[in-house]
Amino acid sequence: MLQSMEEENVPEATNQNWREPYKAALVEVNPTKARKKIDLACQAILQRIDELAGVRDANAIEEQLEILDSLNKLRKIQSLESQGSTDATQPPENMAQGRAL
C-alpha cells in the first residue's frame, strides 16, 4: 500500500521531458548548437531531479540512475568540446616550434 502511494507521487507527466532534449544534445554535430542543446538538456534534467526529490520507489530510483548517467555523458561531451575549442585556437606543436610538417 505504501509503495503504491509513493508511485502515485512520481510526476509521470514530466518524466519524458528531459529525455528529448538529452537525445537532441547527443546527436547535434554543430558545436555552437550542441552547446545550447547541452545547456537545455541539463536544465531539463535538473528540473526532473527536483521533481524526483524524496521519491523512493523503484521506478524513481531507476530513473535517477539513468539521469546520473546522462549528466555524466553530457559533462564528458562538454569537456571534450572545451578541449577541442582550445586545441583549435593553438597552433600545432611542431609549427609553434618553427618546423613545418
N, C-alpha and C. Protein backbone atom coordinates (compact mmCIF):
# COMPACT_ATOMS: atom_id res chain seq x y z
N MET A 1 0.82 -1.19 0.00
CA MET A 1 0.00 0.00 0.00
C MET A 1 0.86 1.26 0.00
N LEU A 2 1.90 1.29 0.88
CA LEU A 2 2.78 2.45 0.94
C LEU A 2 3.51 2.65 -0.37
N GLN A 3 3.98 1.54 -0.96
CA GLN A 3 4.69 1.66 -2.23
C GLN A 3 3.79 2.21 -3.32
N SER A 4 2.53 1.78 -3.37
CA SER A 4 1.63 2.28 -4.40
C SER A 4 1.36 3.77 -4.20
N MET A 5 1.33 4.25 -2.95
CA MET A 5 1.15 5.67 -2.69
C MET A 5 2.36 6.45 -3.15
N GLU A 6 3.57 5.91 -2.92
CA GLU A 6 4.79 6.57 -3.36
C GLU A 6 4.84 6.67 -4.87
N GLU A 7 4.40 5.60 -5.54
CA GLU A 7 4.41 5.59 -7.00
C GLU A 7 3.49 6.67 -7.55
N GLU A 8 2.40 6.93 -6.85
CA GLU A 8 1.48 7.98 -7.29
C GLU A 8 2.12 9.35 -7.17
N ASN A 9 3.09 9.51 -6.27
CA ASN A 9 3.75 10.80 -6.07
C ASN A 9 4.80 11.09 -7.13
N VAL A 10 5.17 10.12 -7.95
CA VAL A 10 6.15 10.34 -9.01
C VAL A 10 5.48 11.10 -10.13
N PRO A 11 5.97 12.28 -10.47
CA PRO A 11 5.36 13.06 -11.55
C PRO A 11 5.59 12.39 -12.90
N GLU A 12 4.68 11.56 -13.31
CA GLU A 12 4.82 10.80 -14.55
C GLU A 12 4.72 11.67 -15.79
N ALA A 13 3.93 12.71 -15.75
CA ALA A 13 3.69 13.52 -16.94
C ALA A 13 4.96 14.18 -17.45
N THR A 14 5.89 14.45 -16.56
CA THR A 14 7.09 15.17 -16.98
C THR A 14 8.32 14.28 -17.10
N ASN A 15 8.21 13.00 -16.79
CA ASN A 15 9.41 12.18 -16.76
C ASN A 15 10.06 12.01 -18.13
N GLN A 16 9.36 12.28 -19.19
CA GLN A 16 9.94 12.19 -20.53
C GLN A 16 10.55 13.51 -20.98
N ASN A 17 10.22 14.59 -20.29
CA ASN A 17 10.63 15.91 -20.74
C ASN A 17 12.14 16.11 -20.78
N TRP A 18 12.90 15.40 -19.97
CA TRP A 18 14.34 15.58 -20.01
C TRP A 18 14.99 14.71 -21.07
N ARG A 19 14.33 13.64 -21.46
CA ARG A 19 14.93 12.69 -22.40
C ARG A 19 15.06 13.26 -23.82
N GLU A 20 14.06 13.99 -24.26
CA GLU A 20 14.11 14.53 -25.62
C GLU A 20 15.24 15.56 -25.79
N PRO A 21 15.36 16.55 -24.88
CA PRO A 21 16.49 17.48 -25.03
C PRO A 21 17.84 16.76 -24.89
N TYR A 22 17.89 15.74 -24.05
CA TYR A 22 19.12 14.97 -23.89
C TYR A 22 19.51 14.27 -25.20
N LYS A 23 18.54 13.61 -25.81
CA LYS A 23 18.80 12.92 -27.08
C LYS A 23 19.20 13.92 -28.17
N ALA A 24 18.54 15.07 -28.19
CA ALA A 24 18.87 16.10 -29.19
C ALA A 24 20.30 16.60 -29.01
N ALA A 25 20.73 16.73 -27.77
CA ALA A 25 22.10 17.18 -27.50
C ALA A 25 23.12 16.14 -27.95
N LEU A 26 22.79 14.87 -27.78
CA LEU A 26 23.72 13.81 -28.16
C LEU A 26 23.96 13.72 -29.66
N VAL A 27 22.95 14.04 -30.45
CA VAL A 27 23.08 13.86 -31.90
C VAL A 27 23.50 15.12 -32.65
N GLU A 28 23.55 16.26 -31.94
CA GLU A 28 23.90 17.52 -32.60
C GLU A 28 25.38 17.54 -32.96
N VAL A 29 25.69 17.86 -34.22
CA VAL A 29 27.08 17.89 -34.68
C VAL A 29 27.65 19.30 -34.77
N ASN A 30 26.80 20.30 -34.86
CA ASN A 30 27.26 21.68 -34.90
C ASN A 30 27.67 22.09 -33.48
N PRO A 31 28.95 22.44 -33.24
CA PRO A 31 29.41 22.74 -31.89
C PRO A 31 28.63 23.87 -31.20
N THR A 32 28.27 24.91 -31.93
CA THR A 32 27.52 26.02 -31.33
C THR A 32 26.14 25.55 -30.91
N LYS A 33 25.47 24.83 -31.78
CA LYS A 33 24.14 24.32 -31.45
C LYS A 33 24.22 23.27 -30.35
N ALA A 34 25.28 22.47 -30.38
CA ALA A 34 25.44 21.42 -29.37
C ALA A 34 25.55 22.02 -27.97
N ARG A 35 26.31 23.10 -27.83
CA ARG A 35 26.43 23.75 -26.51
C ARG A 35 25.07 24.20 -26.00
N LYS A 36 24.28 24.79 -26.88
CA LYS A 36 22.94 25.25 -26.48
C LYS A 36 22.05 24.07 -26.10
N LYS A 37 22.12 23.02 -26.90
CA LYS A 37 21.28 21.84 -26.62
C LYS A 37 21.71 21.13 -25.34
N ILE A 38 23.01 21.12 -25.08
CA ILE A 38 23.50 20.53 -23.83
C ILE A 38 22.99 21.34 -22.65
N ASP A 39 23.03 22.66 -22.75
CA ASP A 39 22.51 23.51 -21.68
C ASP A 39 21.03 23.26 -21.44
N LEU A 40 20.26 23.14 -22.51
CA LEU A 40 18.83 22.88 -22.38
C LEU A 40 18.58 21.51 -21.74
N ALA A 41 19.36 20.52 -22.16
CA ALA A 41 19.21 19.18 -21.59
C ALA A 41 19.55 19.18 -20.11
N CYS A 42 20.60 19.88 -19.73
CA CYS A 42 20.98 19.96 -18.32
C CYS A 42 19.89 20.63 -17.50
N GLN A 43 19.30 21.68 -18.03
CA GLN A 43 18.20 22.36 -17.33
C GLN A 43 17.02 21.43 -17.13
N ALA A 44 16.67 20.69 -18.17
CA ALA A 44 15.55 19.75 -18.08
C ALA A 44 15.86 18.64 -17.08
N ILE A 45 17.08 18.17 -17.08
CA ILE A 45 17.48 17.11 -16.14
C ILE A 45 17.42 17.62 -14.71
N LEU A 46 17.93 18.82 -14.46
CA LEU A 46 17.91 19.37 -13.11
C LEU A 46 16.48 19.59 -12.61
N GLN A 47 15.60 19.97 -13.53
CA GLN A 47 14.19 20.12 -13.16
C GLN A 47 13.61 18.77 -12.75
N ARG A 48 13.95 17.73 -13.51
CA ARG A 48 13.44 16.40 -13.19
C ARG A 48 14.00 15.90 -11.87
N ILE A 49 15.26 16.21 -11.59
CA ILE A 49 15.85 15.82 -10.31
C ILE A 49 15.05 16.44 -9.16
N ASP A 50 14.69 17.71 -9.31
CA ASP A 50 13.87 18.37 -8.30
C ASP A 50 12.52 17.67 -8.13
N GLU A 51 11.92 17.27 -9.23
CA GLU A 51 10.61 16.60 -9.18
C GLU A 51 10.72 15.25 -8.46
N LEU A 52 11.84 14.58 -8.62
CA LEU A 52 12.01 13.25 -8.03
C LEU A 52 12.56 13.29 -6.61
N ALA A 53 12.92 14.46 -6.12
CA ALA A 53 13.49 14.56 -4.78
C ALA A 53 12.55 13.95 -3.75
N GLY A 54 13.07 13.06 -2.98
CA GLY A 54 12.29 12.43 -1.92
C GLY A 54 11.49 11.22 -2.34
N VAL A 55 11.36 10.97 -3.62
CA VAL A 55 10.61 9.80 -4.09
C VAL A 55 11.54 8.60 -4.05
N ARG A 56 11.12 7.53 -3.42
CA ARG A 56 12.00 6.38 -3.21
C ARG A 56 11.45 5.06 -3.76
N ASP A 57 10.56 5.11 -4.71
CA ASP A 57 10.10 3.84 -5.28
C ASP A 57 11.10 3.37 -6.34
N ALA A 58 10.96 2.13 -6.74
CA ALA A 58 11.92 1.51 -7.66
C ALA A 58 12.00 2.25 -8.99
N ASN A 59 10.87 2.70 -9.52
CA ASN A 59 10.88 3.41 -10.81
C ASN A 59 11.64 4.73 -10.71
N ALA A 60 11.43 5.45 -9.62
CA ALA A 60 12.10 6.74 -9.44
C ALA A 60 13.60 6.53 -9.27
N ILE A 61 13.98 5.52 -8.52
CA ILE A 61 15.40 5.25 -8.31
C ILE A 61 16.06 4.85 -9.62
N GLU A 62 15.38 4.05 -10.40
CA GLU A 62 15.91 3.65 -11.72
C GLU A 62 16.08 4.88 -12.62
N GLU A 63 15.10 5.78 -12.61
CA GLU A 63 15.20 6.98 -13.42
C GLU A 63 16.32 7.89 -12.91
N GLN A 64 16.49 7.97 -11.60
CA GLN A 64 17.56 8.77 -11.04
C GLN A 64 18.93 8.25 -11.48
N LEU A 65 19.09 6.95 -11.54
CA LEU A 65 20.34 6.36 -12.03
C LEU A 65 20.55 6.68 -13.51
N GLU A 66 19.48 6.62 -14.28
CA GLU A 66 19.55 6.98 -15.69
C GLU A 66 19.93 8.46 -15.86
N ILE A 67 19.36 9.30 -15.03
CA ILE A 67 19.66 10.72 -15.07
C ILE A 67 21.13 10.97 -14.74
N LEU A 68 21.63 10.30 -13.72
CA LEU A 68 23.04 10.45 -13.34
C LEU A 68 23.96 10.06 -14.49
N ASP A 69 23.66 8.95 -15.12
CA ASP A 69 24.45 8.51 -16.27
C ASP A 69 24.38 9.53 -17.41
N SER A 70 23.21 10.07 -17.65
CA SER A 70 23.02 11.05 -18.72
C SER A 70 23.80 12.33 -18.44
N LEU A 71 23.74 12.80 -17.20
CA LEU A 71 24.50 14.00 -16.83
C LEU A 71 26.00 13.78 -17.01
N ASN A 72 26.46 12.61 -16.62
CA ASN A 72 27.89 12.30 -16.78
C ASN A 72 28.29 12.32 -18.26
N LYS A 73 27.44 11.80 -19.12
CA LYS A 73 27.73 11.82 -20.56
C LYS A 73 27.76 13.25 -21.10
N LEU A 74 26.81 14.06 -20.68
CA LEU A 74 26.78 15.46 -21.13
C LEU A 74 28.02 16.21 -20.66
N ARG A 75 28.43 15.98 -19.44
CA ARG A 75 29.63 16.63 -18.91
C ARG A 75 30.87 16.20 -19.68
N LYS A 76 30.91 14.93 -20.04
CA LYS A 76 32.05 14.44 -20.81
C LYS A 76 32.09 15.10 -22.20
N ILE A 77 30.94 15.23 -22.83
CA ILE A 77 30.85 15.91 -24.13
C ILE A 77 31.30 17.36 -23.98
N GLN A 78 30.83 18.04 -22.94
CA GLN A 78 31.23 19.43 -22.71
C GLN A 78 32.74 19.53 -22.53
N SER A 79 33.30 18.60 -21.79
CA SER A 79 34.74 18.61 -21.55
C SER A 79 35.51 18.40 -22.84
N LEU A 80 35.07 17.45 -23.66
CA LEU A 80 35.73 17.18 -24.94
C LEU A 80 35.62 18.37 -25.87
N GLU A 81 34.46 19.02 -25.89
CA GLU A 81 34.28 20.19 -26.75
C GLU A 81 35.15 21.35 -26.27
N SER A 82 35.29 21.51 -24.97
CA SER A 82 36.15 22.56 -24.44
C SER A 82 37.60 22.31 -24.82
N GLN A 83 38.03 21.08 -24.73
CA GLN A 83 39.39 20.73 -25.14
C GLN A 83 39.59 20.97 -26.62
N GLY A 84 38.59 20.62 -27.42
CA GLY A 84 38.66 20.81 -28.86
C GLY A 84 38.73 22.27 -29.24
N SER A 85 37.98 23.12 -28.53
CA SER A 85 37.99 24.53 -28.88
C SER A 85 39.30 25.19 -28.48
N THR A 86 39.92 24.76 -27.40
CA THR A 86 41.22 25.34 -27.03
C THR A 86 42.31 24.80 -27.93
N ASP A 87 42.20 23.55 -28.34
CA ASP A 87 43.18 22.97 -29.26
C ASP A 87 43.13 23.67 -30.61
N ALA A 88 41.94 24.04 -31.06
CA ALA A 88 41.77 24.66 -32.37
C ALA A 88 42.36 26.06 -32.42
N THR A 89 42.45 26.72 -31.26
CA THR A 89 42.98 28.08 -31.25
C THR A 89 44.49 28.11 -31.10
N GLN A 90 45.10 26.98 -30.81
CA GLN A 90 46.54 26.93 -30.65
C GLN A 90 47.17 26.30 -31.88
N PRO A 91 48.34 26.81 -32.30
CA PRO A 91 49.00 26.22 -33.45
C PRO A 91 49.49 24.82 -33.12
N PRO A 92 49.61 23.96 -34.13
CA PRO A 92 50.15 22.63 -33.88
C PRO A 92 51.52 22.74 -33.21
N GLU A 93 51.87 21.76 -32.40
CA GLU A 93 53.09 21.82 -31.60
C GLU A 93 54.34 22.03 -32.44
N ASN A 94 54.48 21.27 -33.53
CA ASN A 94 55.69 21.41 -34.33
C ASN A 94 55.70 22.71 -35.13
N MET A 95 54.55 23.29 -35.43
CA MET A 95 54.50 24.59 -36.10
C MET A 95 54.90 25.69 -35.12
N ALA A 96 54.52 25.54 -33.86
CA ALA A 96 54.87 26.54 -32.86
C ALA A 96 56.37 26.59 -32.64
N GLN A 97 57.05 25.49 -32.91
CA GLN A 97 58.49 25.43 -32.74
C GLN A 97 59.24 25.84 -33.99
N GLY A 98 58.52 26.30 -35.00
CA GLY A 98 59.16 26.78 -36.21
C GLY A 98 59.49 25.73 -37.23
N ARG A 99 58.95 24.55 -37.08
CA ARG A 99 59.19 23.48 -38.04
C ARG A 99 57.95 23.19 -38.85
N ALA A 100 58.13 22.96 -40.10
CA ALA A 100 56.99 22.60 -40.96
C ALA A 100 56.76 21.12 -40.83
N LEU A 101 55.55 20.71 -41.18
CA LEU A 101 55.23 19.27 -41.16
C LEU A 101 55.91 18.59 -42.23
